[in-house]
Protein backbone atom coordinates (compact mmCIF):
# COMPACT_ATOMS: atom_id res chain seq x y z
CA UNK A 1 -19.50 -18.35 27.54
CA UNK A 2 -17.18 -15.99 25.69
CA UNK A 3 -19.07 -13.66 23.34
CA UNK A 4 -16.73 -14.04 20.38
CA UNK A 5 -19.27 -12.63 17.89
CA UNK A 6 -19.29 -9.25 19.63
CA UNK A 7 -15.50 -9.21 19.78
CA UNK A 8 -15.28 -10.06 16.07
CA UNK A 9 -17.67 -7.28 15.01
CA UNK A 10 -15.73 -4.75 17.07
CA UNK A 11 -12.38 -5.81 15.60
CA UNK A 12 -13.68 -5.84 12.04
CA UNK A 13 -14.96 -2.25 12.12
CA UNK A 14 -11.94 -0.84 13.92
CA UNK A 15 -9.44 -2.57 11.64
CA UNK A 16 -11.13 -1.22 8.50
CA UNK A 17 -11.13 2.30 9.97
CA UNK A 18 -7.43 2.03 10.79
CA UNK A 19 -6.59 1.20 7.17
CA UNK A 20 -8.50 4.21 5.84
CA UNK A 21 -6.96 6.69 8.27
CA UNK A 22 -3.42 5.31 8.65
CA UNK A 23 -2.40 4.15 5.18
CA UNK A 24 -0.76 6.85 3.06
CA UNK A 25 -3.14 5.69 0.31
CA UNK A 26 -6.16 5.79 2.62
CA UNK A 27 -7.64 8.75 0.73
CA UNK A 28 -8.30 6.41 -2.21
CA UNK A 29 -10.95 4.63 -0.15
CA UNK A 30 -13.03 7.80 0.01
CA UNK A 31 -14.01 7.03 -3.60
CA UNK A 32 -15.60 3.75 -2.51
CA UNK A 33 -18.03 5.17 0.05
CA UNK A 34 -21.00 3.83 -1.93
CA UNK A 35 -19.48 0.38 -2.34
CA UNK A 36 -21.71 -2.53 -1.37
CA UNK A 37 -19.92 -5.38 0.42
CA UNK A 38 -21.60 -8.54 1.66
CA UNK A 39 -18.50 -10.60 2.49
CA UNK A 40 -16.00 -12.54 0.41
CA UNK A 41 -14.06 -11.27 -2.59
CA UNK A 42 -16.87 -9.49 -4.44
CA UNK A 43 -17.56 -5.79 -4.17
CA UNK A 44 -20.23 -3.75 -5.97
CA UNK A 45 -19.30 -0.24 -7.09
CA UNK A 46 -21.70 2.39 -8.48
CA UNK A 47 -21.47 3.24 -12.19
CA UNK A 48 -22.96 6.37 -13.74
CA UNK A 49 -23.24 6.94 -17.49
CA UNK A 50 -24.73 9.89 -19.36
CA UNK A 51 -24.74 11.56 -22.76
CA UNK A 52 -23.57 15.03 -23.72
CA UNK A 53 -25.63 17.88 -25.13
CA UNK A 54 -27.41 17.58 -28.47
CA UNK A 55 -29.04 20.17 -30.73
CA UNK A 56 -32.50 21.45 -29.88
CA UNK A 57 -34.92 21.07 -32.77
CA UNK A 58 -37.91 23.42 -32.99
CA UNK A 59 -40.15 20.65 -34.29
CA UNK A 60 -38.77 17.57 -32.55
CA UNK A 61 -37.76 19.34 -29.35
CA UNK A 62 -35.02 17.98 -27.14
CA UNK A 63 -32.62 15.27 -28.21
CA UNK A 64 -33.41 12.04 -26.39
CA UNK A 65 -31.00 10.63 -23.82
CA UNK A 66 -30.75 9.02 -20.46
CA UNK A 67 -28.76 8.98 -17.28
CA UNK A 68 -28.06 5.43 -16.14
CA UNK A 69 -27.08 4.52 -12.59
CA UNK A 70 -26.21 0.94 -11.79
CA UNK A 71 -23.83 -1.22 -9.79
CA UNK A 72 -20.98 -3.21 -11.27
CA UNK A 73 -19.60 -6.27 -9.52
CA UNK A 74 -15.82 -6.57 -9.19
CA UNK A 75 -13.66 -9.29 -7.70
CA UNK A 76 -10.89 -8.18 -5.36
CA UNK A 77 -7.66 -9.85 -6.42
CA UNK A 78 -5.85 -9.59 -3.08
CA UNK A 79 -6.93 -12.26 -0.61
CA UNK A 80 -4.52 -12.22 2.35
CA UNK A 81 -4.66 -13.60 5.86
CA UNK A 82 -2.89 -14.70 9.03
CA UNK A 83 -3.75 -16.60 12.22
CA UNK A 84 -2.81 -15.21 15.63
CA UNK A 85 -2.50 -17.46 18.68
CA UNK A 86 -2.62 -16.03 22.20
CA UNK A 87 -1.85 -18.57 24.93
CA UNK A 88 -4.53 -18.87 27.63
CA UNK A 89 -1.82 -18.68 30.30
CA UNK A 90 -0.86 -15.21 29.04
CA UNK A 91 -4.30 -13.82 28.16
CA UNK A 92 -7.42 -14.30 30.25
CA UNK A 93 -10.96 -13.64 29.06
CA UNK A 94 -11.01 -10.43 31.09
CA UNK A 95 -8.11 -8.89 29.20
CA UNK A 96 -8.55 -10.68 25.86
CA UNK A 97 -10.36 -7.85 24.09
CA UNK A 98 -7.72 -5.21 24.89
CA UNK A 99 -4.77 -7.52 24.19
CA UNK A 100 -6.17 -8.87 20.92
CA UNK A 101 -7.03 -5.36 19.70
CA UNK A 102 -3.48 -4.18 20.36
CA UNK A 103 -1.98 -7.19 18.58
CA UNK A 104 -4.24 -6.75 15.53
CA UNK A 105 -3.66 -3.00 15.29
CA UNK A 106 0.11 -3.41 15.57
CA UNK A 107 0.03 -6.14 12.93
CA UNK A 108 -1.87 -3.87 10.57
CA UNK A 109 0.43 -0.91 11.23
CA UNK A 110 3.67 -2.83 10.64
CA UNK A 111 2.68 -5.45 8.06
CA UNK A 112 -0.71 -4.87 6.44
CA UNK A 113 -0.70 -1.11 5.77
CA UNK A 114 2.74 -1.06 4.08
CA UNK A 115 1.70 -3.97 1.86
CA UNK A 116 -1.61 -2.37 0.87
CA UNK A 117 0.13 0.93 0.12
CA UNK A 118 2.75 -0.82 -2.02
CA UNK A 119 0.15 -2.77 -3.98
CA UNK A 120 -1.97 0.31 -4.66
CA UNK A 121 0.89 2.50 -5.84
CA UNK A 122 2.27 -0.19 -8.14
CA UNK A 123 -1.16 -0.69 -9.71
CA UNK A 124 -1.81 3.05 -10.01
CA UNK A 125 1.59 3.64 -11.65
CA UNK A 126 0.88 0.86 -14.12
CA UNK A 127 -2.42 2.49 -15.13
CA UNK A 128 -0.91 5.94 -15.83
CA UNK A 129 -1.07 7.16 -19.41
CA UNK A 130 1.33 10.09 -18.88
CA UNK A 131 4.75 8.59 -18.23
CA UNK A 132 8.32 9.77 -17.85
CA UNK A 133 11.68 8.18 -17.04
CA UNK A 134 13.78 10.39 -14.81
CA UNK A 135 16.63 10.25 -12.31
CA UNK A 136 15.82 12.85 -9.61
CA UNK A 137 18.24 15.74 -9.40
CA UNK A 138 18.01 18.86 -7.24
CA UNK A 139 18.54 21.15 -10.22
CA UNK A 140 15.72 19.70 -12.33
CA UNK A 141 13.21 18.00 -10.01
CA UNK A 142 11.00 21.09 -9.61
CA UNK A 143 10.72 21.67 -13.35
CA UNK A 144 10.06 17.99 -14.08
CA UNK A 145 7.28 17.90 -11.51
CA UNK A 146 5.63 21.07 -12.82
CA UNK A 147 5.77 19.75 -16.38
CA UNK A 148 3.81 16.61 -15.53
CA UNK A 149 1.47 18.47 -13.18
CA UNK A 150 0.63 20.86 -16.01
CA UNK A 151 -0.28 17.96 -18.30
CA UNK A 152 -2.65 16.56 -15.69
CA UNK A 153 -4.31 19.95 -15.12
CA UNK A 154 -4.67 20.38 -18.88
CA UNK A 155 -6.80 17.23 -18.98
CA UNK A 156 -8.84 17.83 -15.82
CA UNK A 157 -9.35 21.56 -16.41
CA UNK A 158 -8.43 22.27 -12.81
CA UNK A 159 -11.88 21.25 -11.59
CA UNK A 160 -10.85 18.14 -9.64
CA UNK A 161 -8.49 18.07 -6.63
CA UNK A 162 -5.08 16.65 -7.58
CA UNK A 163 -2.88 14.47 -5.36
CA UNK A 164 0.87 14.01 -5.80
CA UNK A 165 2.15 10.84 -4.15
CA UNK A 166 5.94 11.12 -3.88
CA UNK A 167 8.75 8.85 -2.76
CA UNK A 168 10.20 10.24 0.47
CA UNK A 169 13.79 10.74 -0.84
CA UNK A 170 12.43 12.65 -3.85
CA UNK A 171 10.14 14.66 -1.56
CA UNK A 172 13.13 15.69 0.59
CA UNK A 173 15.07 16.61 -2.56
CA UNK A 174 12.18 18.76 -3.75
CA UNK A 175 11.72 20.46 -0.38
CA UNK A 176 15.41 21.42 -0.35
CA UNK A 177 15.39 22.87 -3.85
CA UNK A 178 15.42 26.67 -3.95
CA UNK A 179 12.62 27.10 -6.50
CA UNK A 180 9.96 25.23 -4.55
CA UNK A 181 9.74 27.88 -1.84
CA UNK A 182 8.04 30.31 -4.20
CA UNK A 183 4.98 28.12 -4.79
CA UNK A 184 4.88 25.87 -1.72
CA UNK A 185 1.79 26.15 0.48
CA UNK A 186 0.17 24.24 3.35
CA UNK A 187 -3.29 22.80 2.84
CA UNK A 188 -5.78 20.59 4.67
CA UNK A 189 -6.06 17.08 3.29
CA UNK A 190 -8.77 14.64 4.30
CA UNK A 191 -9.01 10.86 4.21
CA UNK A 192 -11.84 9.13 5.94
CA UNK A 193 -12.72 11.12 9.05
CA UNK A 194 -9.12 12.27 9.47
CA UNK A 195 -7.82 15.66 8.29
CA UNK A 196 -4.10 16.45 8.18
CA UNK A 197 -1.97 19.39 7.06
CA UNK A 198 0.25 18.68 4.02
CA UNK A 199 2.40 20.65 1.63
CA UNK A 200 0.93 21.58 -1.74
CA UNK A 201 2.13 23.03 -5.02
CA UNK A 202 -0.16 24.82 -7.47
CA UNK A 203 -3.12 23.50 -5.50
CA UNK A 204 -2.03 19.85 -5.59
CA UNK A 205 -1.47 18.10 -2.24
CA UNK A 206 1.87 16.30 -1.86
CA UNK A 207 1.89 13.03 0.12
CA UNK A 208 5.36 11.67 0.98
CA UNK A 209 5.58 7.87 1.06
CA UNK A 210 8.41 5.57 2.20
CA UNK A 211 10.42 4.55 -0.89
CA UNK A 212 9.95 0.83 -0.08
CA UNK A 213 6.26 1.26 -0.94
CA UNK A 214 6.96 3.10 -4.22
CA UNK A 215 8.07 0.42 -6.68
CA UNK A 216 6.61 -0.53 -10.05
CA UNK A 217 5.96 -4.17 -9.08
CA UNK A 218 6.07 -6.50 -6.10
CA UNK A 219 5.94 -10.14 -5.14
CA UNK A 220 3.55 -11.08 -2.35
CA UNK A 221 4.55 -14.13 -0.32
CA UNK A 222 1.97 -16.90 -0.07
CA UNK A 223 3.31 -18.61 3.06
CA UNK A 224 6.18 -18.67 5.55
CA UNK A 225 6.97 -15.25 6.94
CA UNK A 226 4.61 -13.71 4.39
CA UNK A 227 4.83 -10.05 3.47
CA UNK A 228 5.99 -8.46 0.23
CA UNK A 229 9.15 -7.42 -1.59
CA UNK A 230 10.02 -5.54 -4.81
CA UNK A 231 10.06 -7.75 -7.89
CA UNK A 232 13.45 -8.39 -9.49
CA UNK A 233 12.70 -6.01 -12.38
CA UNK A 234 10.99 -3.35 -10.24
CA UNK A 235 11.75 0.30 -10.82
CA UNK A 236 11.51 3.06 -8.27
CA UNK A 237 8.52 5.40 -8.59
CA UNK A 238 9.51 9.04 -8.15
CA UNK A 239 5.93 10.29 -7.99
CA UNK A 240 2.39 9.68 -9.17
CA UNK A 241 0.09 12.59 -10.03
CA UNK A 242 -3.61 11.86 -10.29
CA UNK A 243 -7.07 13.31 -9.72
CA UNK A 244 -8.22 12.48 -6.20
CA UNK A 245 -11.32 10.86 -7.67
CA UNK A 246 -9.44 8.53 -10.06
CA UNK A 247 -8.39 5.54 -7.92
CA UNK A 248 -11.13 3.55 -6.22
CA UNK A 249 -9.52 1.57 -3.42
CA UNK A 250 -11.39 -1.06 -1.45
CA UNK A 251 -10.18 -2.98 1.60
CA UNK A 252 -12.37 -5.12 3.78
CA UNK A 253 -11.60 -7.22 6.81
CA UNK A 254 -13.69 -10.31 6.25
CA UNK A 255 -15.53 -11.81 9.19
CA UNK A 256 -12.96 -12.15 11.96
CA UNK A 257 -13.07 -15.66 13.43
CA UNK A 258 -12.24 -16.02 17.13
CA UNK A 259 -11.87 -19.44 18.74
CA UNK A 260 -11.64 -19.28 22.57
CA UNK A 261 -9.52 -21.77 24.55
CA UNK A 262 -12.53 -23.82 25.66
CA UNK A 263 -13.44 -24.50 22.01
CA UNK A 264 -9.93 -24.77 20.58
CA UNK A 265 -9.13 -28.36 19.61
CA UNK A 266 -5.47 -27.69 18.86
CA UNK A 267 -4.13 -25.57 21.73
CA UNK A 268 -5.02 -24.06 25.07
CA UNK A 269 -5.11 -20.66 23.44
CA UNK A 270 -7.17 -18.04 21.70
CA UNK A 271 -7.01 -18.33 17.91
CA UNK A 272 -7.84 -15.25 15.84
CA UNK A 273 -8.21 -15.70 12.08
CA UNK A 274 -7.60 -12.45 10.22
CA UNK A 275 -8.47 -12.19 6.53
CA UNK A 276 -8.13 -9.05 4.40
CA UNK A 277 -9.52 -8.54 0.90
CA UNK A 278 -8.38 -5.48 -1.02
CA UNK A 279 -7.86 -4.09 -4.51
CA UNK A 280 -7.58 -0.90 -6.54
CA UNK A 281 -9.73 -0.03 -9.55
CA UNK A 282 -9.06 2.70 -12.13
CA UNK A 283 -11.33 3.40 -15.09
CA UNK A 284 -9.94 3.84 -18.61
CA UNK A 285 -10.99 7.50 -18.80
CA UNK A 286 -9.56 8.27 -15.37
CA UNK A 287 -6.21 6.71 -16.36
CA UNK A 288 -5.73 9.38 -19.05
CA UNK A 289 -5.26 12.00 -16.33
CA UNK A 290 -2.74 10.00 -14.28
CA UNK A 291 0.97 10.77 -14.60
CA UNK A 292 3.93 8.80 -13.26
CA UNK A 293 7.67 9.47 -13.10
CA UNK A 294 9.85 6.37 -12.84
CA UNK A 295 13.53 5.84 -12.21
CA UNK A 296 15.09 4.61 -15.48
CA UNK A 297 16.90 1.62 -14.01
CA UNK A 298 15.73 -1.29 -11.87
CA UNK A 299 16.51 -0.84 -8.16
């Protein structure tokens, strides 16, 4: 009999790895390495609290205090899924594993990853406490970027790696501006087990993102063709500047369900049920060091 459980475990692990390494926002998942997931919508994330220094008293000694480590339970708001059907006449048991893996990976690359990116950037932009409305222009884009980057560094003290996520058209505009060449460098940037070379400015890595994924808000279809689209009042995001440790992104492929032809009551086919939970969490303190530049008009 077909070992669907082994197939499902293999798909689940590989699909989660693909999200982390292939999404432009995959680096945000590095902040959830200690997350505890047992299936379903709930995820447990570690929380650490501590107190600052107090005066030392010669009679009483040290000021009392404690470091508290615990886990907080969050509910992932994005619960998305799709069923794939592979006809038994086209896919035999011998080639099912390879064929199904290719279908699932292509589905994630074309449909799932762009949607997850778009959701994360819209949420992150909405959390930013440093905001600006700006129409990108070659003569001013460099100065505008440095101004916001300086505000972020002023808060972080330069001790935390900074990431600039930038809409691709704005990125191209910046790269073609004359001033950028004086401070532009190449640096190694890691997400998951993958390391890539990216451009950086003043120590901050710049990640170009397709403009379709850089809007202030989206609608996510519940049925039909599915997918996502910018909301009617959405604005274009020029860039988001944030500490690399600020966004905590979580995506989990829930238990993949595979029904082989011999057990399928509805068709002589393989049915693969794919379900993805994901969300983005940003703490109130972390939001203070996040900057966003938005286009002034809806696009």
